[in-house]
Amino acid sequence: MNQSRNRLVFLALILLGIGFVALVRSTVNEYILSIINFVGIYIILAVSLNITNGFTGLFSLGHPGFMAIGGYVTAILTFPVSRKSMFLELPQWLANLEMPFFPASIIGGVCAAMMALVVGLPVLRLRGHYLAVATLGFLIIVQVLITNWDSVTRGPLGLNGLPAITNLWYVYPWVVVTVYVAWKIKFSSYGRSMLSIREDDMAAQCLGVNLFRTRVAALVIGAFFAGIAGGLWAHLVTAITPTSFSLILAFYIVVMVVVGGAGSISGAFIAAIIFSVLTEIFRPLEENLDVYGIGEIFTAAILILILIYRPQGLFGSREPGFLLTRDTQ
């Protein structure tokens, strides 16, 4: 009975989303469409980081690094063969390869997940601010490698003129998949193991939870969706550079998780919408006043107020009651 209710709720949300996408694409202009696409990408990023930071209590700042890996891999695989002559040292098979966007984005996500596995094995033995500094170091390493690997990434110039493939019919299904996977993880025995690590890792270990393996799995899953978001991002703005995935972006995504509530999928979803829209609202104001950074200041102020007056975030670790069954409450 409860499983049937869950399926009906998710089916209803999917149908509503399809109707929303169809309505929006036929009624709003290209600028508003691009904003809605960015909102969807931020939702993927916030919910996927919530799997890593919110469920297991880690504090990773490396999400933009995984996003960069997925974005560059997807961009190179989908780049027209006729224009790959600018890449001087690409292997012959890669220089002659031009893949459709969907399989290329999957490969980008897998590459990001594999890198998370490689990075996670040594880094996730650290905790607290040591882990935050280590993942920040990973982000910087990724940026430096991309900047200096001229023969493949074109260095600081980045890749321009990418096919404008990303649209709501690509973004929305990935939003659904990300939320669904996060939901299934959270309300499973494995997800409860993750949450137990966040609350008291020593008690969780005494109960038989493998702390290291669970943390690595959370990082890998989150990195996969970050890689997918990177591919969507690159083919939405039709360009990708090393500065596209900076510490500022890491700050924004972490703020979304913290404000929404660490462990709350709904909270990350709603916070991603709020901050994405606020960013777009402040952008023309900054350009008109010729004063930049207003959005960052406002975001930081909201974060400070949330940490002072509601440190658990808007939703804490909870989800709205209408989405829950007795098994998940």
C-alpha atoms as a PDB file:
ATOM      1  CA  MET A   1       0.000   0.000   0.000  1.00  0.00           C
ATOM      2  CA  ASN A   2       2.740   2.446   1.003  1.00  0.00           C
ATOM      3  CA  GLN A   3       4.870   1.496  -1.986  1.00  0.00           C
ATOM      4  CA  SER A   4       1.887   2.088  -4.265  1.00  0.00           C
ATOM      5  CA  ARG A   5       1.326   5.507  -2.706  1.00  0.00           C
ATOM      6  CA  ASN A   6       4.992   6.403  -3.228  1.00  0.00           C
ATOM      7  CA  ARG A   7       4.795   5.402  -6.873  1.00  0.00           C
ATOM      8  CA  LEU A   8       1.617   7.418  -7.381  1.00  0.00           C
ATOM      9  CA  VAL A   9       3.176  10.508  -5.782  1.00  0.00           C
ATOM     10  CA  PHE A  10       6.302  10.300  -7.942  1.00  0.00           C
ATOM     11  CA  LEU A  11       4.245   9.570 -11.055  1.00  0.00           C
ATOM     12  CA  ALA A  12       2.065  12.601 -10.350  1.00  0.00           C
ATOM     13  CA  LEU A  13       5.161  14.781  -9.872  1.00  0.00           C
ATOM     14  CA  ILE A  14       6.654  13.483 -13.127  1.00  0.00           C
ATOM     15  CA  LEU A  15       3.457  14.201 -15.052  1.00  0.00           C
ATOM     16  CA  LEU A  16       3.215  17.665 -13.520  1.00  0.00           C
ATOM     17  CA  GLY A  17       6.821  18.284 -14.483  1.00  0.00           C
ATOM     18  CA  ILE A  18       6.247  17.180 -18.077  1.00  0.00           C
ATOM     19  CA  GLY A  19       3.240  19.474 -18.294  1.00  0.00           C
ATOM     20  CA  PHE A  20       5.280  22.311 -16.798  1.00  0.00           C
ATOM     21  CA  VAL A  21       8.130  21.802 -19.291  1.00  0.00           C
ATOM     22  CA  ALA A  22       5.728  21.687 -22.244  1.00  0.00           C
ATOM     23  CA  LEU A  23       3.894  24.814 -21.040  1.00  0.00           C
ATOM     24  CA  VAL A  24       7.051  26.799 -20.349  1.00  0.00           C
ATOM     25  CA  ARG A  25       8.690  25.948 -23.676  1.00  0.00           C
ATOM     26  CA  SER A  26       5.634  27.187 -25.554  1.00  0.00           C
ATOM     27  CA  THR A  27       4.987  30.375 -23.565  1.00  0.00           C
ATOM     28  CA  VAL A  28       8.211  32.003 -22.299  1.00  0.00           C
ATOM     29  CA  ASN A  29      11.145  33.584 -24.125  1.00  0.00           C
ATOM     30  CA  GLU A  30      14.652  32.176 -24.495  1.00  0.00           C
ATOM     31  CA  TYR A  31      16.062  34.200 -21.593  1.00  0.00           C
ATOM     32  CA  ILE A  32      13.539  32.823 -19.093  1.00  0.00           C
ATOM     33  CA  LEU A  33      14.085  29.342 -20.525  1.00  0.00           C
ATOM     34  CA  SER A  34      17.820  29.625 -19.899  1.00  0.00           C
ATOM     35  CA  ILE A  35      17.169  30.691 -16.293  1.00  0.00           C
ATOM     36  CA  ILE A  36      14.875  27.689 -15.746  1.00  0.00           C
ATOM     37  CA  ASN A  37      17.563  25.427 -17.224  1.00  0.00           C
ATOM     38  CA  PHE A  38      20.133  26.866 -14.825  1.00  0.00           C
ATOM     39  CA  VAL A  39      17.704  26.309 -11.944  1.00  0.00           C
ATOM     40  CA  GLY A  40      17.407  22.646 -12.938  1.00  0.00           C
ATOM     41  CA  ILE A  41      21.200  22.264 -13.087  1.00  0.00           C
ATOM     42  CA  TYR A  42      21.562  23.843  -9.653  1.00  0.00           C
ATOM     43  CA  ILE A  43      18.938  21.430  -8.303  1.00  0.00           C
ATOM     44  CA  ILE A  44      20.999  18.496  -9.611  1.00  0.00           C
ATOM     45  CA  LEU A  45      24.113  19.945  -7.984  1.00  0.00           C
ATOM     46  CA  ALA A  46      22.485  20.716  -4.631  1.00  0.00           C
ATOM     47  CA  VAL A  47      20.668  17.393  -4.295  1.00  0.00           C
ATOM     48  CA  SER A  48      23.759  15.404  -5.347  1.00  0.00           C
ATOM     49  CA  LEU A  49      25.984  17.314  -2.897  1.00  0.00           C
ATOM     50  CA  ASN A  50      23.364  16.591  -0.244  1.00  0.00           C
ATOM     51  CA  ILE A  51      24.044  12.874  -0.751  1.00  0.00           C
ATOM     52  CA  THR A  52      27.693  13.520   0.093  1.00  0.00           C
ATOM     53  CA  ASN A  53      27.533  16.304   2.661  1.00  0.00           C
ATOM     54  CA  GLY A  54      24.001  15.991   4.009  1.00  0.00           C
ATOM     55  CA  PHE A  55      23.576  12.238   4.365  1.00  0.00           C
ATOM     56  CA  THR A  56      27.046  11.315   5.645  1.00  0.00           C
ATOM     57  CA  GLY A  57      28.056  14.577   7.300  1.00  0.00           C
ATOM     58  CA  LEU A  58      31.133  15.111   5.133  1.00  0.00           C
ATOM     59  CA  PHE A  59      32.188  18.620   4.182  1.00  0.00           C
ATOM     60  CA  SER A  60      33.351  18.460   0.579  1.00  0.00           C
ATOM     61  CA  LEU A  61      34.182  21.537  -1.485  1.00  0.00           C
ATOM     62  CA  GLY A  62      35.207  19.513  -4.518  1.00  0.00           C
ATOM     63  CA  HIS A  63      31.850  19.364  -6.308  1.00  0.00           C
ATOM     64  CA  PRO A  64      32.824  21.933  -8.984  1.00  0.00           C
ATOM     65  CA  GLY A  65      35.935  19.855  -9.680  1.00  0.00           C
ATOM     66  CA  PHE A  66      33.818  16.813 -10.546  1.00  0.00           C
ATOM     67  CA  MET A  67      31.542  19.112 -12.500  1.00  0.00           C
ATOM     68  CA  ALA A  68      34.526  20.357 -14.521  1.00  0.00           C
ATOM     69  CA  ILE A  69      35.652  16.808 -15.320  1.00  0.00           C
ATOM     70  CA  GLY A  70      32.187  15.824 -16.532  1.00  0.00           C
ATOM     71  CA  GLY A  71      31.797  19.054 -18.473  1.00  0.00           C
ATOM     72  CA  TYR A  72      35.105  18.815 -20.319  1.00  0.00           C
ATOM     73  CA  VAL A  73      34.736  15.105 -21.106  1.00  0.00           C
ATOM     74  CA  THR A  74      31.234  15.665 -22.478  1.00  0.00           C
ATOM     75  CA  ALA A  75      32.339  18.726 -24.462  1.00  0.00           C
ATOM     76  CA  ILE A  76      35.297  16.947 -26.075  1.00  0.00           C
ATOM     77  CA  LEU A  77      33.210  13.893 -26.984  1.00  0.00           C
ATOM     78  CA  THR A  78      30.451  15.978 -28.594  1.00  0.00           C
ATOM     79  CA  PHE A  79      32.734  18.530 -30.263  1.00  0.00           C
ATOM     80  CA  PRO A  80      32.399  18.465 -34.083  1.00  0.00           C
ATOM     81  CA  VAL A  81      35.166  16.468 -35.742  1.00  0.00           C
ATOM     82  CA  SER A  82      35.673  19.234 -38.315  1.00  0.00           C
ATOM     83  CA  ARG A  83      36.769  21.620 -35.531  1.00  0.00           C
ATOM     84  CA  LYS A  84      38.937  19.243 -33.500  1.00  0.00           C
ATOM     85  CA  SER A  85      42.006  20.203 -35.489  1.00  0.00           C
ATOM     86  CA  MET A  86      42.644  22.822 -32.790  1.00  0.00           C
ATOM     87  CA  PHE A  87      43.504  19.941 -30.431  1.00  0.00           C
ATOM     88  CA  LEU A  88      47.093  19.234 -31.352  1.00  0.00           C
ATOM     89  CA  GLU A  89      47.741  16.072 -29.366  1.00  0.00           C
ATOM     90  CA  LEU A  90      44.440  14.229 -29.242  1.00  0.00           C
ATOM     91  CA  PRO A  91      44.667  10.498 -29.927  1.00  0.00           C
ATOM     92  CA  GLN A  92      43.527   9.675 -33.448  1.00  0.00           C
ATOM     93  CA  TRP A  93      40.479   7.721 -32.263  1.00  0.00           C
ATOM     94  CA  LEU A  94      39.349  10.668 -30.117  1.00  0.00           C
ATOM     95  CA  ALA A  95      40.050  13.249 -32.836  1.00  0.00           C
ATOM     96  CA  ASN A  96      37.727  11.342 -35.183  1.00  0.00           C
ATOM     97  CA  LEU A  97      35.034  10.715 -32.584  1.00  0.00           C
ATOM     98  CA  GLU A  98      31.827  12.745 -32.318  1.00  0.00           C
ATOM     99  CA  MET A  99      29.266  11.245 -29.947  1.00  0.00           C
ATOM    100  CA  PRO A 100      25.595  12.087 -29.325  1.00  0.00           C
ATOM    101  CA  PHE A 101      25.029  14.200 -26.250  1.00  0.00           C
ATOM    102  CA  PHE A 102      23.295  11.647 -24.032  1.00  0.00           C
ATOM    103  CA  PRO A 103      25.957   8.881 -24.083  1.00  0.00           C
ATOM    104  CA  ALA A 104      28.688  11.533 -23.910  1.00  0.00           C
ATOM    105  CA  SER A 105      27.119  13.010 -20.764  1.00  0.00           C
ATOM    106  CA  ILE A 106      26.900   9.547 -19.198  1.00  0.00           C
ATOM    107  CA  ILE A 107      30.594   8.993 -19.907  1.00  0.00           C
ATOM    108  CA  GLY A 108      31.333  12.409 -18.393  1.00  0.00           C
ATOM    109  CA  GLY A 109      29.452  11.446 -15.241  1.00  0.00           C
ATOM    110  CA  VAL A 110      31.255   8.094 -15.052  1.00  0.00           C
ATOM    111  CA  CYS A 111      34.653   9.797 -15.438  1.00  0.00           C
ATOM    112  CA  ALA A 112      33.769  12.192 -12.602  1.00  0.00           C
ATOM    113  CA  ALA A 113      32.667   9.237 -10.443  1.00  0.00           C
ATOM    114  CA  MET A 114      35.890   7.342 -11.187  1.00  0.00           C
ATOM    115  CA  MET A 115      37.926  10.388 -10.221  1.00  0.00           C
ATOM    116  CA  ALA A 116      35.893  10.645  -6.998  1.00  0.00           C
ATOM    117  CA  LEU A 117      36.806   7.047  -6.242  1.00  0.00           C
ATOM    118  CA  VAL A 118      40.504   7.737  -6.829  1.00  0.00           C
ATOM    119  CA  VAL A 119      40.413  10.914  -4.741  1.00  0.00           C
ATOM    120  CA  GLY A 120      38.148   9.489  -2.062  1.00  0.00           C
ATOM    121  CA  LEU A 121      40.339   6.529  -1.178  1.00  0.00           C
ATOM    122  CA  PRO A 122      43.044   8.702   0.441  1.00  0.00           C
ATOM    123  CA  VAL A 123      41.077  11.884   1.197  1.00  0.00           C
ATOM    124  CA  LEU A 124      38.088  10.394   3.025  1.00  0.00           C
ATOM    125  CA  ARG A 125      40.336   9.136   5.775  1.00  0.00           C
ATOM    126  CA  LEU A 126      40.331  12.768   6.897  1.00  0.00           C
ATOM    127  CA  ARG A 127      37.543  14.490   8.821  1.00  0.00           C
ATOM    128  CA  GLY A 128      36.115  17.929   9.470  1.00  0.00           C
ATOM    129  CA  HIS A 129      38.060  20.950   8.271  1.00  0.00           C
ATOM    130  CA  TYR A 130      40.941  18.707   7.151  1.00  0.00           C
ATOM    131  CA  LEU A 131      38.591  17.077   4.647  1.00  0.00           C
ATOM    132  CA  ALA A 132      37.288  20.476   3.509  1.00  0.00           C
ATOM    133  CA  VAL A 133      40.844  21.695   2.835  1.00  0.00           C
ATOM    134  CA  ALA A 134      41.738  18.455   1.016  1.00  0.00           C
ATOM    135  CA  THR A 135      38.710  18.649  -1.302  1.00  0.00           C
ATOM    136  CA  LEU A 136      39.451  22.335  -1.906  1.00  0.00           C
ATOM    137  CA  GLY A 137      42.950  21.251  -2.914  1.00  0.00           C
ATOM    138  CA  PHE A 138      41.425  18.766  -5.343  1.00  0.00           C
ATOM    139  CA  LEU A 139      39.362  21.560  -6.933  1.00  0.00           C
ATOM    140  CA  ILE A 140      42.461  23.719  -7.342  1.00  0.00           C
ATOM    141  CA  ILE A 141      44.408  20.799  -8.852  1.00  0.00           C
ATOM    142  CA  VAL A 142      41.639  20.201 -11.402  1.00  0.00           C
ATOM    143  CA  GLN A 143      41.620  23.885 -12.364  1.00  0.00           C
ATOM    144  CA  VAL A 144      45.422  23.983 -12.731  1.00  0.00           C
ATOM    145  CA  LEU A 145      45.475  20.811 -14.861  1.00  0.00           C
ATOM    146  CA  ILE A 146      42.734  22.108 -17.138  1.00  0.00           C
ATOM    147  CA  THR A 147      44.475  25.465 -17.450  1.00  0.00           C
ATOM    148  CA  ASN A 148      47.825  23.924 -18.413  1.00  0.00           C
ATOM    149  CA  TRP A 149      46.650  21.022 -20.601  1.00  0.00           C
ATOM    150  CA  ASP A 150      46.550  23.241 -23.687  1.00  0.00           C
ATOM    151  CA  SER A 151      46.603  20.429 -26.248  1.00  0.00           C
ATOM    152  CA  VAL A 152      43.285  19.024 -25.003  1.00  0.00           C
ATOM    153  CA  THR A 153      41.457  21.790 -23.113  1.00  0.00           C
ATOM    154  CA  ARG A 154      42.886  24.874 -24.904  1.00  0.00           C
ATOM    155  CA  GLY A 155      44.040  26.077 -21.500  1.00  0.00           C
ATOM    156  CA  PRO A 156      42.619  29.389 -20.245  1.00  0.00           C
ATOM    157  CA  LEU A 157      40.776  29.926 -23.543  1.00  0.00           C
ATOM    158  CA  GLY A 158      38.549  26.927 -22.895  1.00  0.00           C
ATOM    159  CA  LEU A 159      36.255  25.314 -25.433  1.00  0.00           C
ATOM    160  CA  ASN A 160      33.975  27.706 -27.296  1.00  0.00           C
ATOM    161  CA  GLY A 161      31.223  27.175 -29.814  1.00  0.00           C
ATOM    162  CA  LEU A 162      29.903  23.969 -28.266  1.00  0.00           C
ATOM    163  CA  PRO A 163      26.613  22.668 -29.691  1.00  0.00           C
ATOM    164  CA  ALA A 164      23.665  24.297 -27.873  1.00  0.00           C
ATOM    165  CA  ILE A 165      22.077  20.975 -26.984  1.00  0.00           C
ATOM    166  CA  THR A 166      20.918  21.430 -23.388  1.00  0.00           C
ATOM    167  CA  ASN A 167      17.220  22.176 -22.989  1.00  0.00           C
ATOM    168  CA  LEU A 168      14.465  21.391 -20.505  1.00  0.00           C
ATOM    169  CA  TRP A 169      13.853  17.967 -22.043  1.00  0.00           C
ATOM    170  CA  TYR A 170      17.419  17.052 -21.062  1.00  0.00           C
ATOM    171  CA  VAL A 171      17.586  18.936 -17.750  1.00  0.00           C
ATOM    172  CA  TYR A 172      14.219  17.890 -16.300  1.00  0.00           C
ATOM    173  CA  PRO A 173      14.711  14.091 -16.651  1.00  0.00           C
ATOM    174  CA  TRP A 174      18.089  14.389 -14.934  1.00  0.00           C
ATOM    175  CA  VAL A 175      16.480  16.414 -12.131  1.00  0.00           C
ATOM    176  CA  VAL A 176      13.939  13.595 -11.708  1.00  0.00           C
ATOM    177  CA  VAL A 177      16.633  10.898 -11.745  1.00  0.00           C
ATOM    178  CA  THR A 178      18.800  12.782  -9.233  1.00  0.00           C
ATOM    179  CA  VAL A 179      15.936  13.380  -6.806  1.00  0.00           C
ATOM    180  CA  TYR A 180      14.670   9.819  -7.208  1.00  0.00           C
ATOM    181  CA  VAL A 181      18.083   8.265  -6.547  1.00  0.00           C
ATOM    182  CA  ALA A 182      18.647  10.515  -3.529  1.00  0.00           C
ATOM    183  CA  TRP A 183      15.185   9.648  -2.206  1.00  0.00           C
ATOM    184  CA  LYS A 184      15.660   5.900  -2.645  1.00  0.00           C
ATOM    185  CA  ILE A 185      19.043   6.091  -0.932  1.00  0.00           C
ATOM    186  CA  LYS A 186      17.784   8.158   1.997  1.00  0.00           C
ATOM    187  CA  PHE A 187      14.869   5.859   2.788  1.00  0.00           C
ATOM    188  CA  SER A 188      16.799   2.621   2.446  1.00  0.00           C
ATOM    189  CA  SER A 189      18.910   0.725   4.940  1.00  0.00           C
ATOM    190  CA  TYR A 190      22.006   2.061   3.192  1.00  0.00           C
ATOM    191  CA  GLY A 191      20.765   5.612   3.538  1.00  0.00           C
ATOM    192  CA  ARG A 192      20.070   5.105   7.214  1.00  0.00           C
ATOM    193  CA  SER A 193      23.656   3.894   7.546  1.00  0.00           C
ATOM    194  CA  MET A 194      24.806   7.164   5.968  1.00  0.00           C
ATOM    195  CA  LEU A 195      22.642   9.218   8.325  1.00  0.00           C
ATOM    196  CA  SER A 196      23.897   7.241  11.319  1.00  0.00           C
ATOM    197  CA  ILE A 197      27.480   8.102  10.335  1.00  0.00           C
ATOM    198  CA  ARG A 198      26.535  11.766  10.260  1.00  0.00           C
ATOM    199  CA  GLU A 199      24.937  11.642  13.694  1.00  0.00           C
ATOM    200  CA  ASP A 200      27.548   9.487  15.484  1.00  0.00           C
ATOM    201  CA  ASP A 201      30.166   7.698  13.449  1.00  0.00           C
ATOM    202  CA  MET A 202      31.543   5.760  16.414  1.00  0.00           C
ATOM    203  CA  ALA A 203      28.122   4.386  17.314  1.00  0.00           C
ATOM    204  CA  ALA A 204      27.492   3.533  13.639  1.00  0.00           C
ATOM    205  CA  GLN A 205      30.795   1.663  13.445  1.00  0.00           C
ATOM    206  CA  CYS A 206      29.934  -0.272  16.598  1.00  0.00           C
ATOM    207  CA  LEU A 207      26.697  -1.357  14.914  1.00  0.00           C
ATOM    208  CA  GLY A 208      28.628  -2.758  11.943  1.00  0.00           C
ATOM    209  CA  VAL A 209      28.502   0.163   9.471  1.00  0.00           C
ATOM    210  CA  ASN A 210      31.612   0.369   7.284  1.00  0.00           C
ATOM    211  CA  LEU A 211      32.390   4.075   7.629  1.00  0.00           C
ATOM    212  CA  PHE A 212      35.029   4.356   4.919  1.00  0.00           C
ATOM    213  CA  ARG A 213      33.150   2.380   2.260  1.00  0.00           C
ATOM    214  CA  THR A 214      29.897   4.251   2.912  1.00  0.00           C
ATOM    215  CA  ARG A 215      31.585   7.644   2.683  1.00  0.00           C
ATOM    216  CA  VAL A 216      33.359   6.749  -0.539  1.00  0.00           C
ATOM    217  CA  ALA A 217      30.082   5.531  -2.044  1.00  0.00           C
ATOM    218  CA  ALA A 218      28.376   8.821  -1.104  1.00  0.00           C
ATOM    219  CA  LEU A 219      31.188  10.820  -2.705  1.00  0.00           C
ATOM    220  CA  VAL A 220      31.142   8.721  -5.898  1.00  0.00           C
ATOM    221  CA  ILE A 221      27.359   8.958  -6.329  1.00  0.00           C
ATOM    222  CA  GLY A 222      27.389  12.708  -5.774  1.00  0.00           C
ATOM    223  CA  ALA A 223      30.299  13.129  -8.200  1.00  0.00           C
ATOM    224  CA  PHE A 224      28.475  11.230 -10.948  1.00  0.00           C
ATOM    225  CA  PHE A 225      25.562  13.665 -10.902  1.00  0.00           C
ATOM    226  CA  ALA A 226      27.973  16.616 -10.635  1.00  0.00           C
ATOM    227  CA  GLY A 227      29.621  15.359 -13.845  1.00  0.00           C
ATOM    228  CA  ILE A 228      26.215  15.152 -15.522  1.00  0.00           C
ATOM    229  CA  ALA A 229      25.470  18.721 -14.407  1.00  0.00           C
ATOM    230  CA  GLY A 230      28.817  19.836 -15.836  1.00  0.00           C
ATOM    231  CA  GLY A 231      27.915  18.437 -19.255  1.00  0.00           C
ATOM    232  CA  LEU A 232      24.504  20.101 -19.151  1.00  0.00           C
ATOM    233  CA  TRP A 233      26.089  23.391 -18.090  1.00  0.00           C
ATOM    234  CA  ALA A 234      28.689  23.349 -20.876  1.00  0.00           C
ATOM    235  CA  HIS A 235      26.108  22.733 -23.590  1.00  0.00           C
ATOM    236  CA  LEU A 236      23.756  25.346 -22.180  1.00  0.00           C
ATOM    237  CA  VAL A 237      26.237  28.239 -22.215  1.00  0.00           C
ATOM    238  CA  THR A 238      28.025  26.670 -25.269  1.00  0.00           C
ATOM    239  CA  ALA A 239      31.411  27.352 -23.702  1.00  0.00           C
ATOM    240  CA  ILE A 240      33.523  25.969 -20.900  1.00  0.00           C
ATOM    241  CA  THR A 241      36.647  27.423 -19.268  1.00  0.00           C
ATOM    242  CA  PRO A 242      38.701  26.577 -16.153  1.00  0.00           C
ATOM    243  CA  THR A 243      37.138  29.538 -14.320  1.00  0.00           C
ATOM    244  CA  SER A 244      33.613  28.224 -14.921  1.00  0.00           C
ATOM    245  CA  PHE A 245      33.963  25.918 -11.907  1.00  0.00           C
ATOM    246  CA  SER A 246      35.454  27.973  -9.125  1.00  0.00           C
ATOM    247  CA  LEU A 247      35.380  28.170  -5.344  1.00  0.00           C
ATOM    248  CA  ILE A 248      32.511  30.674  -5.640  1.00  0.00           C
ATOM    249  CA  LEU A 249      30.403  27.967  -7.281  1.00  0.00           C
ATOM    250  CA  ALA A 250      31.364  25.536  -4.501  1.00  0.00           C
ATOM    251  CA  PHE A 251      30.262  28.164  -1.980  1.00  0.00           C
ATOM    252  CA  TYR A 252      26.875  28.578  -3.691  1.00  0.00           C
ATOM    253  CA  ILE A 253      26.186  24.842  -3.766  1.00  0.00           C
ATOM    254  CA  VAL A 254      27.190  24.363  -0.122  1.00  0.00           C
ATOM    255  CA  VAL A 255      24.956  27.294   0.861  1.00  0.00           C
ATOM    256  CA  MET A 256      22.013  25.622  -0.888  1.00  0.00           C
ATOM    257  CA  VAL A 257      22.559  22.433   1.117  1.00  0.00           C
ATOM    258  CA  VAL A 258      23.063  24.231   4.429  1.00  0.00           C
ATOM    259  CA  VAL A 259      20.105  26.605   4.013  1.00  0.00           C
ATOM    260  CA  GLY A 260      17.770  23.859   2.798  1.00  0.00           C
ATOM    261  CA  GLY A 261      18.859  21.547   5.576  1.00  0.00           C
ATOM    262  CA  ALA A 262      21.618  18.943   5.550  1.00  0.00           C
ATOM    263  CA  GLY A 263      19.944  15.662   4.672  1.00  0.00           C
ATOM    264  CA  SER A 264      16.718  17.176   3.343  1.00  0.00           C
ATOM    265  CA  ILE A 265      16.194  16.499  -0.363  1.00  0.00           C
ATOM    266  CA  SER A 266      13.222  18.870  -0.494  1.00  0.00           C
ATOM    267  CA  GLY A 267      15.237  21.549   1.295  1.00  0.00           C
ATOM    268  CA  ALA A 268      18.107  21.323  -1.208  1.00  0.00           C
ATOM    269  CA  PHE A 269      15.570  21.389  -4.063  1.00  0.00           C
ATOM    270  CA  ILE A 270      13.829  24.523  -2.808  1.00  0.00           C
ATOM    271  CA  ALA A 271      17.049  26.310  -1.779  1.00  0.00           C
ATOM    272  CA  ALA A 272      18.495  25.676  -5.252  1.00  0.00           C
ATOM    273  CA  ILE A 273      15.465  27.348  -6.820  1.00  0.00           C
ATOM    274  CA  ILE A 274      15.622  30.320  -4.441  1.00  0.00           C
ATOM    275  CA  PHE A 275      19.321  31.065  -4.841  1.00  0.00           C
ATOM    276  CA  SER A 276      19.335  30.463  -8.597  1.00  0.00           C
ATOM    277  CA  VAL A 277      16.533  32.984  -9.051  1.00  0.00           C
ATOM    278  CA  LEU A 278      18.153  35.486  -6.664  1.00  0.00           C
ATOM    279  CA  THR A 279      21.405  35.267  -8.626  1.00  0.00           C
ATOM    280  CA  GLU A 280      19.574  36.193 -11.830  1.00  0.00           C
ATOM    281  CA  ILE A 281      17.685  38.993 -10.098  1.00  0.00           C
ATOM    282  CA  PHE A 282      20.888  40.600  -8.809  1.00  0.00           C
ATOM    283  CA  ARG A 283      22.824  40.251 -12.097  1.00  0.00           C
ATOM    284  CA  PRO A 284      21.084  43.129 -13.990  1.00  0.00           C
ATOM    285  CA  LEU A 285      21.188  45.230 -10.798  1.00  0.00           C
ATOM    286  CA  GLU A 286      24.954  44.749 -10.577  1.00  0.00           C
ATOM    287  CA  GLU A 287      25.383  45.648 -14.248  1.00  0.00           C
ATOM    288  CA  ASN A 288      23.235  48.785 -13.957  1.00  0.00           C
ATOM    289  CA  LEU A 289      25.009  50.009 -10.817  1.00  0.00           C
ATOM    290  CA  ASP A 290      28.404  48.801 -12.062  1.00  0.00           C
ATOM    291  CA  VAL A 291      28.892  47.237  -8.627  1.00  0.00           C
ATOM    292  CA  TYR A 292      29.597  43.515  -8.677  1.00  0.00           C
ATOM    293  CA  GLY A 293      29.371  41.060  -5.813  1.00  0.00           C
ATOM    294  CA  ILE A 294      25.978  42.144  -4.476  1.00  0.00           C
ATOM    295  CA  GLY A 295      24.589  38.642  -5.024  1.00  0.00           C
ATOM    296  CA  GLU A 296      27.490  37.024  -3.160  1.00  0.00           C
ATOM    297  CA  ILE A 297      27.096  39.462  -0.245  1.00  0.00           C
ATOM    298  CA  PHE A 298      23.352  38.815  -0.029  1.00  0.00           C
ATOM    299  CA  THR A 299      23.894  35.051  -0.185  1.00  0.00           C
ATOM    300  CA  ALA A 300      26.525  35.204   2.550  1.00  0.00           C
ATOM    301  CA  ALA A 301      24.192  37.314   4.703  1.00  0.00           C
ATOM    302  CA  ILE A 302      21.390  34.753   4.344  1.00  0.00           C
ATOM    303  CA  LEU A 303      23.816  31.985   5.274  1.00  0.00           C
ATOM    304  CA  ILE A 304      24.958  33.824   8.404  1.00  0.00           C
ATOM    305  CA  LEU A 305      21.371  34.463   9.511  1.00  0.00           C
ATOM    306  CA  ILE A 306      20.417  30.822   8.925  1.00  0.00           C
ATOM    307  CA  LEU A 307      23.438  29.583  10.902  1.00  0.00           C
ATOM    308  CA  ILE A 308      22.586  31.921  13.794  1.00  0.00           C
ATOM    309  CA  TYR A 309      18.820  31.498  14.029  1.00  0.00           C
ATOM    310  CA  ARG A 310      18.180  28.097  12.417  1.00  0.00           C
ATOM    311  CA  PRO A 311      21.432  26.131  12.161  1.00  0.00           C
ATOM    312  CA  GLN A 312      19.597  22.968  11.099  1.00  0.00           C
ATOM    313  CA  GLY A 313      18.385  24.736   7.937  1.00  0.00           C
ATOM    314  CA  LEU A 314      14.854  25.363   6.703  1.00  0.00           C
ATOM    315  CA  PHE A 315      13.810  21.706   6.702  1.00  0.00           C
ATOM    316  CA  GLY A 316      16.416  20.126   8.977  1.00  0.00           C
ATOM    317  CA  SER A 317      16.675  16.528   7.763  1.00  0.00           C
ATOM    318  CA  ARG A 318      12.940  16.183   7.163  1.00  0.00           C
ATOM    319  CA  GLU A 319      10.804  15.955   4.052  1.00  0.00           C
ATOM    320  CA  PRO A 320       7.255  17.299   3.547  1.00  0.00           C
ATOM    321  CA  GLY A 321       4.645  15.039   5.129  1.00  0.00           C
ATOM    322  CA  PHE A 322       2.586  14.568   1.956  1.00  0.00           C
ATOM    323  CA  LEU A 323       5.592  12.877   0.317  1.00  0.00           C
ATOM    324  CA  LEU A 324       6.095  10.411   3.153  1.00  0.00           C
ATOM    325  CA  THR A 325       4.505   7.109   4.000  1.00  0.00           C
ATOM    326  CA  ARG A 326       4.550   5.384   7.353  1.00  0.00           C
ATOM    327  CA  ASP A 327       7.652   3.472   6.273  1.00  0.00           C
ATOM    328  CA  THR A 328       9.577   6.637   5.533  1.00  0.00           C
ATOM    329  CA  GLN A 329       8.499   8.864   8.397  1.00  0.00           C
END
